[in-house]
Amino acid sequence: IVFNVPGLGKNYLRARQHRDFISVLPDGRRVYEFHPWEKKLHLANTYIYTDVSIYNYLKRLKAFGEDTSQYRTIWYYY
């Protein structure tokens, strides 16, 4: 899974050495800090990203007409 981080380029989400999990917000969203993969070669700022909570994602899918019962086994996601 690749995430295109603004100002940093492509970041492979399974390459955990390039991101830190910071916190979970009260509504279930998670906050990450992405680091440049070339941080030893070039000074670049990190990028803070807040994802969408599973609940809001499922609500959006339902609004699009998806059968959200097919997603009831979501236990882990990036």
Protein backbone atom coordinates (compact mmCIF):
# COMPACT_ATOMS: atom_id res chain seq x y z
CA ILE A 1 0.00 0.00 0.00
CA VAL A 2 1.48 3.32 -1.07
CA PHE A 3 0.55 6.72 0.36
CA ASN A 4 1.59 9.80 -1.62
CA VAL A 5 2.73 12.17 1.13
CA PRO A 6 2.68 15.87 0.17
CA GLY A 7 6.22 17.20 0.04
CA LEU A 8 7.76 13.79 0.75
CA GLY A 9 6.67 11.63 -2.16
CA LYS A 10 5.55 8.02 -2.04
CA ASN A 11 5.63 6.28 1.32
CA TYR A 12 5.03 2.55 1.68
CA LEU A 13 2.67 2.12 4.62
CA ARG A 14 4.14 -1.25 5.55
CA ALA A 15 7.58 0.40 5.87
CA ARG A 16 6.99 1.51 9.43
CA GLN A 17 10.42 3.08 9.78
CA HIS A 18 9.08 6.04 7.76
CA ARG A 19 6.07 6.85 9.93
CA ASP A 20 5.11 7.10 13.58
CA PHE A 21 1.71 6.47 15.06
CA ILE A 22 1.00 9.49 17.29
CA SER A 23 -2.47 9.05 18.76
CA VAL A 24 -6.11 8.05 18.42
CA LEU A 25 -8.55 10.95 18.56
CA PRO A 26 -11.81 10.67 20.54
CA ASP A 27 -13.80 10.04 17.35
CA GLY A 28 -11.56 7.11 16.35
CA ARG A 29 -9.36 8.85 13.79
CA ARG A 30 -5.66 8.03 13.99
CA VAL A 31 -2.85 10.56 13.68
CA TYR A 32 0.45 9.68 11.97
CA GLU A 33 3.71 11.51 11.42
CA PHE A 34 5.43 10.65 8.15
CA HIS A 35 9.19 11.05 7.82
CA PRO A 36 11.16 11.54 4.60
CA TRP A 37 12.74 8.28 3.51
CA GLU A 38 15.97 10.13 2.68
CA LYS A 39 16.16 11.89 6.06
CA LYS A 40 19.90 11.22 6.39
CA LEU A 41 20.59 12.87 3.01
CA HIS A 42 18.27 15.86 2.82
CA LEU A 43 16.54 18.04 5.41
CA ALA A 44 12.78 17.90 4.97
CA ASN A 45 9.85 18.54 7.27
CA THR A 46 7.72 15.68 8.48
CA TYR A 47 4.05 15.45 7.50
CA ILE A 48 1.21 14.99 10.00
CA TYR A 49 -1.79 13.06 8.68
CA THR A 50 -5.15 12.30 10.30
CA ASP A 51 -7.10 9.44 8.76
CA VAL A 52 -10.84 8.78 8.65
CA SER A 53 -12.46 6.81 11.46
CA ILE A 54 -13.84 3.39 10.56
CA TYR A 55 -17.30 4.52 11.66
CA ASN A 56 -17.29 7.53 9.31
CA TYR A 57 -15.85 5.40 6.51
CA LEU A 58 -18.67 2.86 6.92
CA LYS A 59 -21.25 5.67 6.96
CA ARG A 60 -19.80 6.97 3.68
CA LEU A 61 -19.94 3.49 2.13
CA LYS A 62 -23.56 3.10 3.20
CA ALA A 63 -24.40 6.48 1.63
CA PHE A 64 -22.89 5.17 -1.64
CA GLY A 65 -25.20 2.15 -1.46
CA GLU A 66 -22.66 -0.41 -0.21
CA ASP A 67 -23.75 -3.31 1.99
CA THR A 68 -21.80 -2.42 5.13
CA SER A 69 -22.45 -5.83 6.70
CA GLN A 70 -19.69 -7.11 4.41
CA TYR A 71 -17.24 -4.93 6.35
CA ARG A 72 -18.08 -6.12 9.86
CA THR A 73 -14.80 -8.03 10.11
CA ILE A 74 -12.60 -4.92 9.91
CA TRP A 75 -10.12 -5.44 12.73
CA TYR A 76 -6.93 -3.95 11.39
CA TYR A 77 -6.30 -1.41 8.69
CA TYR A 78 -3.49 0.95 7.72
